[in-house]
N, C-alpha and C. Protein backbone atom coordinates (compact mmCIF):
# COMPACT_ATOMS: atom_id res chain seq x y z
N UNK A 1 -4.63 -33.50 -0.08
CA UNK A 1 -5.93 -33.91 0.62
C UNK A 1 -6.68 -33.35 1.00
N UNK A 2 -7.87 -33.29 0.18
CA UNK A 2 -9.02 -32.25 0.71
C UNK A 2 -9.90 -32.74 2.33
N UNK A 3 -10.09 -31.27 2.70
CA UNK A 3 -11.13 -31.62 4.36
C UNK A 3 -12.46 -30.93 3.96
N UNK A 4 -13.61 -32.31 3.77
CA UNK A 4 -15.16 -31.65 3.83
C UNK A 4 -15.50 -31.03 5.18
N UNK A 5 -16.24 -29.69 5.36
CA UNK A 5 -16.05 -29.23 6.54
C UNK A 5 -17.59 -29.38 6.85
N UNK A 6 -18.44 -28.76 5.79
CA UNK A 6 -19.99 -28.51 5.80
C UNK A 6 -20.78 -29.92 5.31
N UNK A 7 -20.41 -31.15 5.31
CA UNK A 7 -21.49 -32.43 4.39
C UNK A 7 -20.45 -32.40 3.20
N UNK A 8 -21.21 -33.35 2.43
CA UNK A 8 -20.47 -33.56 1.14
C UNK A 8 -20.82 -32.85 0.03
N UNK A 9 -21.83 -31.38 0.51
CA UNK A 9 -22.02 -30.28 -0.68
C UNK A 9 -21.87 -29.12 0.14
N UNK A 10 -20.84 -29.51 0.94
CA UNK A 10 -20.76 -28.19 1.95
C UNK A 10 -18.97 -27.51 1.46
N UNK A 11 -18.40 -26.74 1.84
CA UNK A 11 -17.67 -26.46 2.26
C UNK A 11 -16.02 -27.01 2.16
N UNK A 12 -15.44 -26.81 1.39
CA UNK A 12 -13.92 -27.99 2.02
C UNK A 12 -12.85 -27.02 1.65
N UNK A 13 -11.45 -27.52 2.13
CA UNK A 13 -10.70 -26.98 2.47
C UNK A 13 -9.33 -27.91 1.74
N UNK A 14 -8.06 -27.38 0.99
CA UNK A 14 -7.06 -28.24 0.36
C UNK A 14 -7.85 -28.62 -0.79
N UNK A 15 -6.96 -29.45 -1.30
CA UNK A 15 -7.05 -29.51 -2.82
C UNK A 15 -7.44 -30.57 -3.86
N UNK A 16 -8.70 -30.78 -4.52
CA UNK A 16 -9.01 -31.78 -5.62
C UNK A 16 -9.06 -31.68 -7.02
N UNK A 17 -7.99 -32.57 -7.11
CA UNK A 17 -7.69 -32.61 -8.39
C UNK A 17 -7.03 -31.26 -8.54
N UNK A 18 -7.68 -30.46 -10.12
CA UNK A 18 -7.49 -29.04 -10.06
C UNK A 18 -7.59 -27.99 -9.47
N UNK A 19 -8.68 -28.43 -8.01
CA UNK A 19 -9.23 -27.36 -7.17
C UNK A 19 -8.67 -27.11 -6.15
N UNK A 20 -8.95 -25.84 -5.82
CA UNK A 20 -8.65 -25.69 -4.29
C UNK A 20 -9.17 -25.13 -3.46
N UNK A 21 -10.07 -25.11 -2.77
CA UNK A 21 -11.09 -25.07 -1.44
C UNK A 21 -10.29 -24.62 0.01
N UNK A 22 -10.88 -22.66 0.15
CA UNK A 22 -10.54 -22.24 0.95
C UNK A 22 -11.22 -21.16 1.25
N UNK A 23 -11.24 -20.46 2.40
CA UNK A 23 -12.11 -19.48 2.91
C UNK A 23 -11.74 -18.57 2.97
N UNK A 24 -12.41 -16.82 2.50
CA UNK A 24 -12.14 -15.64 2.50
C UNK A 24 -13.16 -14.89 3.06
N UNK A 25 -12.41 -14.12 4.50
CA UNK A 25 -13.35 -13.57 4.94
C UNK A 25 -15.18 -14.13 5.59
N UNK A 26 -15.00 -15.32 5.78
CA UNK A 26 -15.76 -16.01 5.86
C UNK A 26 -17.04 -16.66 4.68
N UNK A 27 -16.00 -16.40 3.96
CA UNK A 27 -17.06 -16.70 2.44
C UNK A 27 -15.78 -18.34 2.21
N UNK A 28 -16.65 -18.90 1.52
CA UNK A 28 -16.46 -20.44 1.26
C UNK A 28 -16.02 -20.48 -0.18
N UNK A 29 -15.02 -20.56 -0.92
CA UNK A 29 -14.34 -19.94 -2.36
C UNK A 29 -13.73 -21.24 -2.99
N UNK A 30 -13.54 -21.39 -4.29
CA UNK A 30 -13.08 -22.25 -5.07
C UNK A 30 -12.28 -21.44 -5.78
N UNK A 31 -10.79 -22.11 -6.39
CA UNK A 31 -10.11 -21.63 -6.89
C UNK A 31 -9.46 -22.42 -8.06
N UNK A 32 -9.40 -22.65 -9.33
CA UNK A 32 -8.97 -23.65 -9.98
C UNK A 32 -7.23 -23.52 -9.88
N UNK A 33 -6.64 -24.62 -10.03
CA UNK A 33 -4.28 -24.26 -9.92
C UNK A 33 -4.89 -23.82 -10.89
N UNK A 34 -3.50 -22.79 -11.12
CA UNK A 34 -2.88 -21.93 -12.33
C UNK A 34 -2.34 -23.51 -13.25
N UNK A 35 -2.41 -23.33 -14.50
CA UNK A 35 -1.63 -24.42 -15.38
C UNK A 35 -0.38 -24.26 -14.86
N UNK A 36 0.49 -25.08 -15.29
CA UNK A 36 1.77 -25.73 -15.79
C UNK A 36 2.30 -24.22 -16.86
N UNK A 37 3.34 -23.48 -16.28
CA UNK A 37 3.22 -22.67 -17.46
C UNK A 37 5.10 -22.86 -18.32
N UNK A 38 5.46 -23.23 -19.43
CA UNK A 38 6.44 -23.61 -19.58
C UNK A 38 7.86 -22.06 -19.46
N UNK A 39 7.09 -21.10 -19.72
CA UNK A 39 7.34 -19.81 -20.31
C UNK A 39 7.07 -19.22 -19.25
N UNK A 40 7.29 -18.37 -17.91
CA UNK A 40 6.81 -17.54 -17.13
C UNK A 40 6.87 -15.84 -17.56
N UNK A 41 7.96 -16.39 -18.70
CA UNK A 41 7.97 -14.48 -18.56
C UNK A 41 7.81 -14.37 -20.04
N UNK A 42 6.62 -14.29 -20.58
CA UNK A 42 6.29 -13.91 -21.73
C UNK A 42 6.23 -12.83 -22.14
N UNK A 43 6.25 -11.77 -22.81
CA UNK A 43 5.71 -10.54 -23.44
C UNK A 43 4.63 -10.04 -22.48
N UNK A 44 3.87 -10.67 -23.03
CA UNK A 44 2.30 -10.03 -22.10
C UNK A 44 2.43 -9.98 -20.44
N UNK A 45 3.35 -11.26 -20.02
CA UNK A 45 3.22 -11.49 -18.67
C UNK A 45 3.95 -10.30 -17.92
N UNK A 46 5.50 -9.87 -18.32
CA UNK A 46 6.52 -8.93 -18.04
C UNK A 46 5.81 -8.31 -18.08
N UNK A 47 5.13 -7.39 -19.20
CA UNK A 47 3.87 -6.68 -19.21
C UNK A 47 2.91 -6.46 -18.11
N UNK A 48 1.78 -7.36 -17.97
CA UNK A 48 0.80 -6.89 -16.77
C UNK A 48 1.72 -6.98 -15.56
N UNK A 49 3.03 -7.68 -15.52
CA UNK A 49 3.24 -7.84 -14.23
C UNK A 49 4.01 -6.15 -13.64
N UNK A 50 4.36 -5.34 -14.80
CA UNK A 50 5.18 -4.30 -14.81
C UNK A 50 3.97 -3.49 -14.50
N UNK A 51 2.76 -3.68 -15.02
CA UNK A 51 1.02 -2.76 -14.37
C UNK A 51 1.41 -2.99 -13.09
N UNK A 52 1.02 -4.28 -12.80
CA UNK A 52 0.68 -4.30 -11.23
C UNK A 52 1.41 -3.90 -10.58
N UNK A 53 3.12 -4.02 -10.35
CA UNK A 53 3.78 -3.14 -10.08
C UNK A 53 3.60 -1.99 -9.23
N UNK A 54 3.44 -1.17 -11.00
CA UNK A 54 3.08 0.19 -10.77
C UNK A 54 2.15 0.76 -10.00
N UNK A 55 1.25 -0.12 -10.24
CA UNK A 55 0.00 -0.09 -9.74
C UNK A 55 0.14 0.09 -7.82
N UNK A 56 0.51 -0.84 -7.92
CA UNK A 56 0.94 -1.37 -6.46
C UNK A 56 1.51 0.09 -5.24
N UNK A 57 2.68 0.13 -6.42
CA UNK A 57 3.09 1.15 -5.43
C UNK A 57 2.84 2.38 -5.25
N UNK A 58 1.86 2.43 -6.23
CA UNK A 58 0.97 3.54 -6.20
C UNK A 58 -0.27 4.37 -4.66
N UNK A 59 -0.55 3.18 -5.02
CA UNK A 59 -1.70 2.47 -3.91
C UNK A 59 -1.10 2.71 -2.36
N UNK A 60 0.30 1.91 -2.41
CA UNK A 60 0.47 1.39 -0.98
C UNK A 60 0.84 3.66 -0.26
N UNK A 61 1.10 4.17 -1.76
CA UNK A 61 1.42 5.86 -0.58
C UNK A 61 -0.02 6.22 -0.22
N UNK A 62 -1.12 5.81 -0.65
CA UNK A 62 -2.45 6.20 -0.24
C UNK A 62 -3.51 5.17 -0.02
N UNK A 63 -2.99 3.78 0.50
CA UNK A 63 -3.98 3.00 1.02
C UNK A 63 -4.52 3.58 2.67
N UNK A 64 -3.90 3.91 3.34
CA UNK A 64 -4.96 4.04 4.72
C UNK A 64 -5.38 5.08 4.92
N UNK A 65 -4.77 6.12 4.30
CA UNK A 65 -5.09 7.49 4.25
C UNK A 65 -6.21 7.92 3.20
N UNK A 66 -6.38 6.94 2.17
CA UNK A 66 -7.72 7.15 1.31
C UNK A 66 -8.08 6.63 1.11
N UNK A 67 -7.51 5.27 0.24
CA UNK A 67 -8.10 4.24 -0.60
C UNK A 67 -9.27 3.68 0.36
N UNK A 68 -8.65 3.00 1.79
CA UNK A 68 -9.75 2.53 2.84
C UNK A 68 -11.13 3.57 3.03
N UNK A 69 -10.88 4.54 3.70
CA UNK A 69 -11.68 5.03 3.91
C UNK A 69 -13.04 5.12 2.27
N UNK A 70 -12.17 5.61 1.73
CA UNK A 70 -13.24 6.04 0.38
C UNK A 70 -13.94 5.00 -0.22
N UNK A 71 -13.26 3.28 -0.39
CA UNK A 71 -13.71 2.47 -1.10
C UNK A 71 -14.04 1.01 -0.47
N UNK A 72 -13.34 0.75 0.82
CA UNK A 72 -13.62 -0.16 1.77
C UNK A 72 -15.11 -0.87 1.86
N UNK A 73 -15.48 0.28 2.07
CA UNK A 73 -17.27 -0.30 2.62
C UNK A 73 -17.97 -0.33 1.31
N UNK A 74 -17.50 0.32 0.45
CA UNK A 74 -18.64 -0.08 -0.59
C UNK A 74 -18.55 -0.63 -1.77
N UNK A 75 -17.73 -1.59 -1.55
CA UNK A 75 -17.13 -2.84 -2.29
C UNK A 75 -17.57 -4.21 -1.88
N UNK A 76 -17.90 -5.21 -2.85
CA UNK A 76 -18.52 -6.01 -2.57
C UNK A 76 -17.22 -7.90 -2.83
N UNK A 77 -17.10 -7.93 -1.39
CA UNK A 77 -16.45 -9.56 -1.64
C UNK A 77 -14.69 -9.28 -2.38
N UNK A 78 -14.42 -7.99 -2.13
CA UNK A 78 -13.40 -7.99 -2.09
C UNK A 78 -12.74 -6.77 -1.10
N UNK A 79 -11.54 -6.47 -0.74
CA UNK A 79 -11.00 -5.18 -0.30
C UNK A 79 -11.04 -3.69 -0.91
N UNK A 80 -10.89 -2.30 -0.06
CA UNK A 80 -11.01 -1.59 -1.35
C UNK A 80 -9.42 -1.28 -2.34
N UNK A 81 -8.58 -2.02 -1.01
CA UNK A 81 -7.39 -1.97 -2.34
C UNK A 81 -7.48 -2.66 -3.11
N UNK A 82 -7.98 -4.07 -3.24
CA UNK A 82 -8.01 -4.84 -4.41
C UNK A 82 -8.98 -3.96 -5.55
N UNK A 83 -10.04 -3.68 -5.02
CA UNK A 83 -10.85 -2.41 -5.93
C UNK A 83 -10.30 -1.79 -6.49
N UNK A 84 -9.41 -0.68 -5.96
CA UNK A 84 -8.41 0.07 -6.50
C UNK A 84 -8.10 -0.58 -7.36
N UNK A 85 -7.06 -1.26 -7.49
CA UNK A 85 -5.42 -2.46 -8.17
C UNK A 85 -6.81 -2.66 -9.70
N UNK A 86 -8.04 -3.54 -9.39
CA UNK A 86 -8.79 -3.85 -10.37
C UNK A 86 -9.34 -2.48 -11.13
N UNK A 87 -9.27 -1.70 -10.94
CA UNK A 87 -10.04 -0.38 -11.83
C UNK A 87 -8.89 0.32 -12.43
N UNK A 88 -7.85 0.38 -11.44
CA UNK A 88 -6.79 1.30 -12.42
C UNK A 88 -5.64 0.88 -12.98
N UNK A 89 -5.96 -0.89 -12.90
CA UNK A 89 -4.04 -1.63 -13.21
C UNK A 89 -3.93 -1.17 -14.57
N UNK A 90 -5.17 -0.99 -15.63
CA UNK A 90 -4.94 -0.40 -16.87
C UNK A 90 -4.15 0.48 -17.16
N UNK A 91 -3.95 1.44 -16.22
CA UNK A 91 -3.81 3.14 -16.81
C UNK A 91 -2.40 3.30 -16.94
N UNK A 92 -1.63 2.12 -15.77
CA UNK A 92 -0.46 2.30 -15.56
C UNK A 92 0.42 1.14 -16.59
N UNK A 93 1.79 1.76 -16.95
CA UNK A 93 2.85 1.26 -18.07
C UNK A 93 3.85 1.62 -17.84
N UNK A 94 4.91 0.93 -18.53
CA UNK A 94 6.14 1.19 -18.35
C UNK A 94 6.73 1.73 -16.42
N UNK A 95 5.90 1.60 -15.47
CA UNK A 95 6.25 1.83 -14.43
C UNK A 95 5.93 2.91 -13.81
N UNK A 96 5.19 3.89 -14.71
CA UNK A 96 4.58 5.51 -14.47
C UNK A 96 2.75 5.64 -14.90
N UNK A 97 2.19 5.82 -14.38
CA UNK A 97 0.87 6.63 -14.75
C UNK A 97 0.51 7.38 -15.72
N UNK A 98 -0.10 6.42 -16.91
CA UNK A 98 -0.02 7.32 -17.75
C UNK A 98 -0.78 8.43 -18.40
N UNK A 99 -2.35 7.98 -17.89
CA UNK A 99 -3.61 8.71 -17.98
C UNK A 99 -3.73 8.89 -16.69
N UNK A 100 -3.52 10.11 -15.85
CA UNK A 100 -4.18 10.53 -14.26
C UNK A 100 -5.14 10.96 -14.99
N UNK A 101 -5.67 11.58 -15.49
CA UNK A 101 -7.16 12.29 -15.60
C UNK A 101 -8.16 10.69 -15.83
N UNK A 102 -7.82 9.40 -15.95
CA UNK A 102 -8.64 8.63 -15.72
C UNK A 102 -8.91 7.38 -14.40
N UNK A 103 -7.65 8.14 -13.52
CA UNK A 103 -7.59 7.46 -12.23
C UNK A 103 -8.69 7.85 -11.13
N UNK A 104 -9.26 6.54 -10.56
CA UNK A 104 -10.01 6.66 -9.60
C UNK A 104 -9.95 6.62 -8.76
N UNK A 105 -9.87 7.78 -7.94
CA UNK A 105 -9.64 7.08 -6.00
C UNK A 105 -10.89 6.22 -5.72
N UNK A 106 -12.31 6.50 -5.63
CA UNK A 106 -13.25 6.39 -5.32
C UNK A 106 -14.53 5.90 -5.98
N UNK A 107 -15.39 5.21 -5.41
CA UNK A 107 -15.94 4.34 -6.15
C UNK A 107 -16.89 4.99 -6.95
N UNK A 108 -17.20 4.55 -8.33
CA UNK A 108 -18.26 5.81 -9.32
C UNK A 108 -19.53 5.46 -9.25
N UNK A 109 -19.65 6.33 -8.24
CA UNK A 109 -20.97 6.78 -7.55
C UNK A 109 -21.60 8.02 -7.95
N UNK A 110 -21.93 8.84 -6.80
CA UNK A 110 -22.82 9.99 -7.05
C UNK A 110 -21.76 11.15 -7.44
N UNK A 111 -22.38 12.22 -8.41
CA UNK A 111 -21.21 12.94 -9.28
C UNK A 111 -20.14 13.70 -8.57
N UNK A 112 -19.57 13.55 -9.23
CA UNK A 112 -17.78 14.31 -8.96
C UNK A 112 -18.17 15.90 -8.66
N UNK A 113 -17.67 16.35 -7.69
CA UNK A 113 -17.27 18.08 -7.36
C UNK A 113 -16.05 18.02 -8.50
N UNK A 114 -16.78 19.22 -9.57
CA UNK A 114 -15.97 19.16 -10.36
C UNK A 114 -14.54 20.18 -9.59
N UNK A 115 -13.40 20.36 -10.32
CA UNK A 115 -12.24 21.50 -9.54
C UNK A 115 -12.18 22.30 -10.59
N UNK A 116 -12.11 23.28 -9.72
CA UNK A 116 -11.71 24.63 -10.95
C UNK A 116 -10.41 24.93 -10.88
N UNK A 117 -9.33 25.06 -10.05
CA UNK A 117 -8.00 24.97 -9.97
C UNK A 117 -7.35 25.12 -8.49
N UNK A 118 -6.11 24.64 -8.96
CA UNK A 118 -5.27 24.50 -7.52
C UNK A 118 -4.34 24.89 -7.53
N UNK A 119 -3.62 25.30 -6.74
CA UNK A 119 -2.64 26.54 -6.09
C UNK A 119 -1.67 25.41 -5.10
N UNK A 120 -0.81 26.52 -4.43
CA UNK A 120 -0.01 25.93 -3.38
C UNK A 120 0.53 27.69 -2.78
N UNK A 121 0.32 26.95 -0.85
CA UNK A 121 0.79 28.35 -0.10
C UNK A 121 0.74 29.65 -1.24
N UNK A 122 1.49 30.83 -0.65
CA UNK A 122 2.17 31.08 0.59
C UNK A 122 0.87 31.30 1.92
N UNK A 123 1.86 30.77 2.83
CA UNK A 123 0.62 31.09 4.07
C UNK A 123 0.19 29.79 4.77
N UNK A 124 0.79 28.48 4.01
CA UNK A 124 0.68 26.87 4.49
C UNK A 124 1.31 26.27 3.70
N UNK A 125 1.71 24.77 3.96
CA UNK A 125 2.56 23.88 3.46
C UNK A 125 1.42 22.89 3.02
N UNK A 126 1.40 22.52 1.52
CA UNK A 126 0.64 21.71 0.58
C UNK A 126 -0.21 22.40 -0.26
N UNK A 127 -1.46 21.74 -0.54
CA UNK A 127 -2.14 22.04 -1.96
C UNK A 127 -3.71 22.64 -1.64
N UNK A 128 -3.95 23.39 -1.87
CA UNK A 128 -5.45 23.98 -1.95
C UNK A 128 -6.08 23.84 -3.38
N UNK A 129 -7.47 23.11 -3.06
CA UNK A 129 -8.02 22.61 -4.15
C UNK A 129 -9.42 23.77 -4.34
N UNK A 130 -9.53 24.42 -5.54
CA UNK A 130 -10.81 25.33 -5.64
C UNK A 130 -11.73 24.74 -6.10
N UNK A 131 -13.23 25.35 -5.82
CA UNK A 131 -14.21 24.61 -6.88
C UNK A 131 -15.33 25.43 -6.38
N UNK A 132 -16.44 25.40 -7.28
CA UNK A 132 -17.68 25.89 -6.88
C UNK A 132 -18.62 25.06 -6.99
N UNK A 133 -19.16 25.17 -5.57
CA UNK A 133 -20.00 23.95 -4.77
C UNK A 133 -21.10 23.79 -5.11
N UNK A 134 -21.31 22.29 -5.27
CA UNK A 134 -23.03 21.90 -5.65
C UNK A 134 -23.63 21.41 -4.66
N UNK A 135 -23.39 21.87 -3.73
CA UNK A 135 -24.11 21.81 -2.29
C UNK A 135 -25.54 21.89 -2.16
N UNK A 136 -26.17 20.75 -2.35
CA UNK A 136 -27.71 21.34 -2.67
C UNK A 136 -28.36 20.51 -3.69
N UNK A 137 -27.16 20.28 -4.73
CA UNK A 137 -27.66 19.47 -5.81
C UNK A 137 -27.70 17.72 -5.69
N UNK A 138 -28.69 16.74 -6.21
CA UNK A 138 -28.76 15.62 -5.77
C UNK A 138 -28.05 15.73 -4.67
N UNK A 139 -27.07 14.14 -4.09
CA UNK A 139 -26.88 13.54 -3.14
C UNK A 139 -26.28 14.73 -2.63
N UNK A 140 -25.54 15.85 -3.40
CA UNK A 140 -24.25 16.63 -2.23
C UNK A 140 -24.65 17.67 -1.40
N UNK A 141 -23.98 17.79 -0.03
CA UNK A 141 -24.25 18.32 1.09
C UNK A 141 -23.36 19.05 1.61
N UNK A 142 -23.52 20.48 1.61
CA UNK A 142 -22.45 20.99 2.12
C UNK A 142 -21.48 20.95 3.18
N UNK A 143 -21.65 19.61 4.12
CA UNK A 143 -21.20 18.99 5.18
C UNK A 143 -20.18 17.90 4.66
N UNK A 144 -19.85 17.72 3.28
CA UNK A 144 -19.52 16.66 2.64
C UNK A 144 -17.71 17.18 2.71
N UNK A 145 -17.10 15.80 3.48
CA UNK A 145 -15.74 15.97 3.24
C UNK A 145 -15.25 15.28 2.30
N UNK A 146 -13.63 16.19 2.09
CA UNK A 146 -13.05 15.79 0.69
C UNK A 146 -11.75 15.00 1.16
N UNK A 147 -11.62 14.01 0.12
CA UNK A 147 -10.25 13.46 0.33
C UNK A 147 -9.72 13.99 -1.09
N UNK A 148 -8.34 13.81 -0.71
CA UNK A 148 -7.51 14.42 -1.95
C UNK A 148 -6.12 13.82 -2.26
N UNK A 149 -5.56 12.92 -3.21
CA UNK A 149 -4.59 12.72 -3.40
C UNK A 149 -3.71 13.94 -4.45
N UNK A 150 -2.57 14.12 -4.06
CA UNK A 150 -1.40 14.81 -5.23
C UNK A 150 -0.59 14.20 -5.67
N UNK A 151 -0.54 13.76 -6.78
CA UNK A 151 1.29 13.34 -7.14
C UNK A 151 2.06 14.44 -7.95
N UNK A 152 3.47 14.54 -7.88
CA UNK A 152 4.02 14.90 -8.78
C UNK A 152 4.53 13.57 -9.32
N UNK A 153 4.50 13.55 -10.57
CA UNK A 153 4.44 12.37 -11.63
C UNK A 153 5.78 12.25 -12.00
N UNK A 154 6.44 13.02 -12.38
CA UNK A 154 8.30 13.53 -13.23
C UNK A 154 8.82 12.99 -11.91
N UNK A 155 8.33 12.81 -10.58
CA UNK A 155 9.50 13.39 -9.53
C UNK A 155 9.27 11.74 -8.87
N UNK A 156 8.24 10.83 -8.82
CA UNK A 156 7.93 10.43 -7.91
C UNK A 156 7.60 10.56 -6.68
N UNK A 157 6.44 11.43 -6.43
CA UNK A 157 5.84 12.02 -5.30
C UNK A 157 4.70 11.97 -5.09
N UNK A 158 4.03 11.11 -3.94
CA UNK A 158 2.49 11.02 -3.96
C UNK A 158 2.46 11.32 -2.36
N UNK A 159 0.94 11.84 -2.42
CA UNK A 159 0.77 11.97 -0.77
C UNK A 159 -0.89 11.99 -0.87
N UNK A 160 -1.61 11.80 0.11
CA UNK A 160 -2.69 11.96 0.06
C UNK A 160 -3.55 11.60 1.16
N UNK A 161 -4.92 12.26 1.45
CA UNK A 161 -5.38 11.93 2.80
C UNK A 161 -6.90 12.70 2.76
N UNK A 162 -7.35 12.93 4.12
CA UNK A 162 -8.75 13.91 4.15
C UNK A 162 -8.19 15.24 4.44
N UNK A 163 -8.89 16.33 3.35
CA UNK A 163 -8.32 17.53 3.33
C UNK A 163 -8.68 18.46 4.66
N UNK A 164 -8.87 19.27 4.63
CA UNK A 164 -9.24 20.44 5.99
C UNK A 164 -10.53 21.04 4.76
N UNK A 165 -11.23 21.35 5.18
CA UNK A 165 -12.59 21.91 5.19
C UNK A 165 -13.56 21.10 4.66
N UNK A 166 -14.51 21.47 3.99
CA UNK A 166 -15.96 20.80 3.88
C UNK A 166 -16.28 21.14 2.01
N UNK A 167 -17.49 21.11 1.81
CA UNK A 167 -18.26 21.04 -0.25
C UNK A 167 -18.33 22.76 0.05
N UNK A 168 -19.00 23.16 1.20
CA UNK A 168 -19.35 24.58 1.45
C UNK A 168 -18.48 24.95 1.07
N UNK A 169 -17.46 24.85 1.65
CA UNK A 169 -16.37 26.17 1.61
C UNK A 169 -15.68 26.33 0.49
N UNK A 170 -16.10 26.19 -0.73
CA UNK A 170 -15.51 26.04 -1.82
C UNK A 170 -14.36 26.06 -2.28
N UNK A 171 -13.37 25.49 -1.04
CA UNK A 171 -11.70 25.57 -1.25
C UNK A 171 -12.04 24.45 0.18
N UNK A 172 -10.58 23.10 -0.27
CA UNK A 172 -10.35 22.36 1.20
C UNK A 172 -8.69 22.35 0.76
N UNK A 173 -8.05 22.37 1.74
CA UNK A 173 -6.46 22.12 2.11
C UNK A 173 -5.87 20.67 2.24
N UNK A 174 -4.68 20.50 1.52
CA UNK A 174 -4.16 18.96 2.05
C UNK A 174 -3.05 19.52 2.16
N UNK A 175 -2.53 19.13 3.56
CA UNK A 175 -1.23 19.17 4.01
C UNK A 175 0.04 18.30 3.03
N UNK A 176 0.95 19.09 2.41
CA UNK A 176 1.66 18.22 1.46
C UNK A 176 2.61 18.54 2.01
N UNK A 177 3.92 18.05 2.70
CA UNK A 177 5.21 18.91 3.55
C UNK A 177 6.26 18.77 2.35
N UNK A 178 5.97 18.43 0.86
CA UNK A 178 7.41 18.67 0.08
C UNK A 178 6.71 19.72 -0.88
N UNK A 179 5.22 20.15 -0.88
CA UNK A 179 5.10 21.49 -1.28
C UNK A 179 5.12 22.80 -0.74
N UNK A 180 6.00 23.08 -0.71
CA UNK A 180 6.53 24.26 0.51
C UNK A 180 6.92 25.28 -0.78
N UNK A 181 7.34 26.34 -0.03
CA UNK A 181 8.06 27.79 -0.85
C UNK A 181 9.17 27.26 -1.79
N UNK A 182 9.71 26.60 -2.02
CA UNK A 182 10.78 26.08 -2.84
C UNK A 182 10.09 25.83 -3.97
N UNK A 183 8.85 25.02 -3.75
CA UNK A 183 8.90 23.73 -4.94
C UNK A 183 8.16 23.90 -5.78
N UNK A 184 8.58 23.60 -6.80
CA UNK A 184 8.16 23.93 -8.44
C UNK A 184 8.50 22.24 -9.02
N UNK A 185 7.02 22.37 -10.21
CA UNK A 185 6.78 21.04 -10.75
C UNK A 185 5.28 21.08 -11.12
N UNK A 186 4.72 20.03 -11.99
CA UNK A 186 3.58 19.79 -12.48
C UNK A 186 2.71 19.05 -11.15
N UNK A 187 1.53 19.43 -10.41
CA UNK A 187 0.85 18.80 -9.81
C UNK A 187 -0.11 17.66 -10.48
N UNK A 188 -0.32 16.76 -9.92
CA UNK A 188 -1.27 16.12 -10.32
C UNK A 188 -2.91 15.98 -9.35
N UNK A 189 -3.85 16.28 -9.50
CA UNK A 189 -4.84 16.31 -7.99
C UNK A 189 -5.90 15.46 -8.43
N UNK A 190 -6.51 14.71 -7.56
CA UNK A 190 -8.11 13.79 -7.18
C UNK A 190 -8.50 14.56 -6.33
N UNK A 191 -10.03 14.62 -6.40
CA UNK A 191 -10.71 14.67 -4.98
C UNK A 191 -11.65 14.16 -5.73
N UNK A 192 -12.51 13.68 -3.89
CA UNK A 192 -13.29 12.83 -4.23
C UNK A 192 -14.06 13.30 -2.58
N UNK A 193 -15.45 13.40 -2.86
CA UNK A 193 -16.25 13.73 -1.44
C UNK A 193 -16.54 12.56 -0.77
N UNK A 194 -16.65 12.47 0.18
CA UNK A 194 -17.82 11.68 1.36
C UNK A 194 -18.17 11.91 2.42
N UNK A 195 -19.38 11.51 2.32
CA UNK A 195 -20.74 12.00 3.45
C UNK A 195 -19.68 12.30 4.50
N UNK A 196 -19.96 13.00 5.55
CA UNK A 196 -19.21 13.10 6.92
C UNK A 196 -19.31 12.16 7.56
N UNK A 197 -20.77 11.41 7.45
CA UNK A 197 -20.31 10.01 8.25
C UNK A 197 -19.82 8.80 7.89
N UNK A 198 -19.74 8.98 6.54
CA UNK A 198 -18.63 7.95 5.68
C UNK A 198 -19.55 6.80 5.34
N UNK A 199 -20.90 7.00 4.80
CA UNK A 199 -22.09 6.48 4.12
C UNK A 199 -22.28 6.91 2.93
N UNK A 200 -21.82 7.76 2.56
CA UNK A 200 -21.89 8.38 0.76
C UNK A 200 -20.96 8.73 -0.38
N UNK A 201 -20.50 8.10 -0.93
CA UNK A 201 -19.33 8.45 -1.85
C UNK A 201 -19.77 9.08 -3.06
N UNK A 202 -18.58 9.86 -3.16
CA UNK A 202 -19.12 10.73 -4.26
C UNK A 202 -17.77 10.19 -4.82
N UNK A 203 -17.93 10.48 -6.88
CA UNK A 203 -17.02 9.97 -8.04
C UNK A 203 -15.55 10.94 -7.55
N UNK A 204 -14.92 10.74 -8.63
CA UNK A 204 -13.61 11.52 -8.72
C UNK A 204 -13.28 12.47 -9.62
N UNK A 205 -12.44 13.68 -8.73
CA UNK A 205 -12.24 14.64 -9.79
C UNK A 205 -11.31 14.70 -10.23
N UNK A 206 -10.61 15.37 -11.02
CA UNK A 206 -9.08 15.84 -11.22
C UNK A 206 -8.43 17.15 -12.20
N UNK A 207 -7.85 17.47 -11.81
CA UNK A 207 -7.43 18.64 -11.88
C UNK A 207 -5.53 18.41 -12.21
N UNK A 208 -5.03 19.22 -12.96
CA UNK A 208 -3.49 19.42 -12.70
C UNK A 208 -3.09 20.56 -12.48
N UNK A 209 -1.86 21.06 -12.86
CA UNK A 209 -1.13 22.43 -12.84
C UNK A 209 -0.16 22.69 -12.46
N UNK A 210 0.80 23.78 -13.02
CA UNK A 210 1.84 23.51 -12.86
C UNK A 210 2.68 24.62 -12.01
N UNK A 211 3.00 24.82 -10.41
CA UNK A 211 3.25 25.75 -9.46
C UNK A 211 4.79 26.19 -10.07
């Protein structure tokens, strides 16, 4: 049974026929009930569930450190997490990120700061991302801060967060404990800048290299 909360034409909660009423973030929403499915394991459904599982597993590694600060305040009627999944789910297949160059860690907003090179140590634990600063062009400022995600897809290793350094420095550093003096492998790196007060996001740049 449904309960009408705001008059006969207002929001309601509960089920009416094939529709369910509820509230999400203070917004009244209605959803249709899913149809009865005799075979919930069709080939397409299995593939889609696999994509979802892989995308969720990737997202969980960088949710509080990267996805939320880069996305939450810039999407409408959904969380930054849901926006990330929606944007990137098609890139996953068979439990793997198949086209890492297409992954977006930030909204498709202002122009990305392109990556020139990536490297690791010696002298620090982690990854160095080098670029030719475009501060002063478009919306880019030298004080913009960088969020970086690093992944060794072959080994299933993912890390990310706010890097040290700004756009004006021509390089930023991300502490990644598993990238040390003994590390060897192929690193995939995604970088997106954000205004230092959190108000202006920039698009994602990608680079990769063997360390």
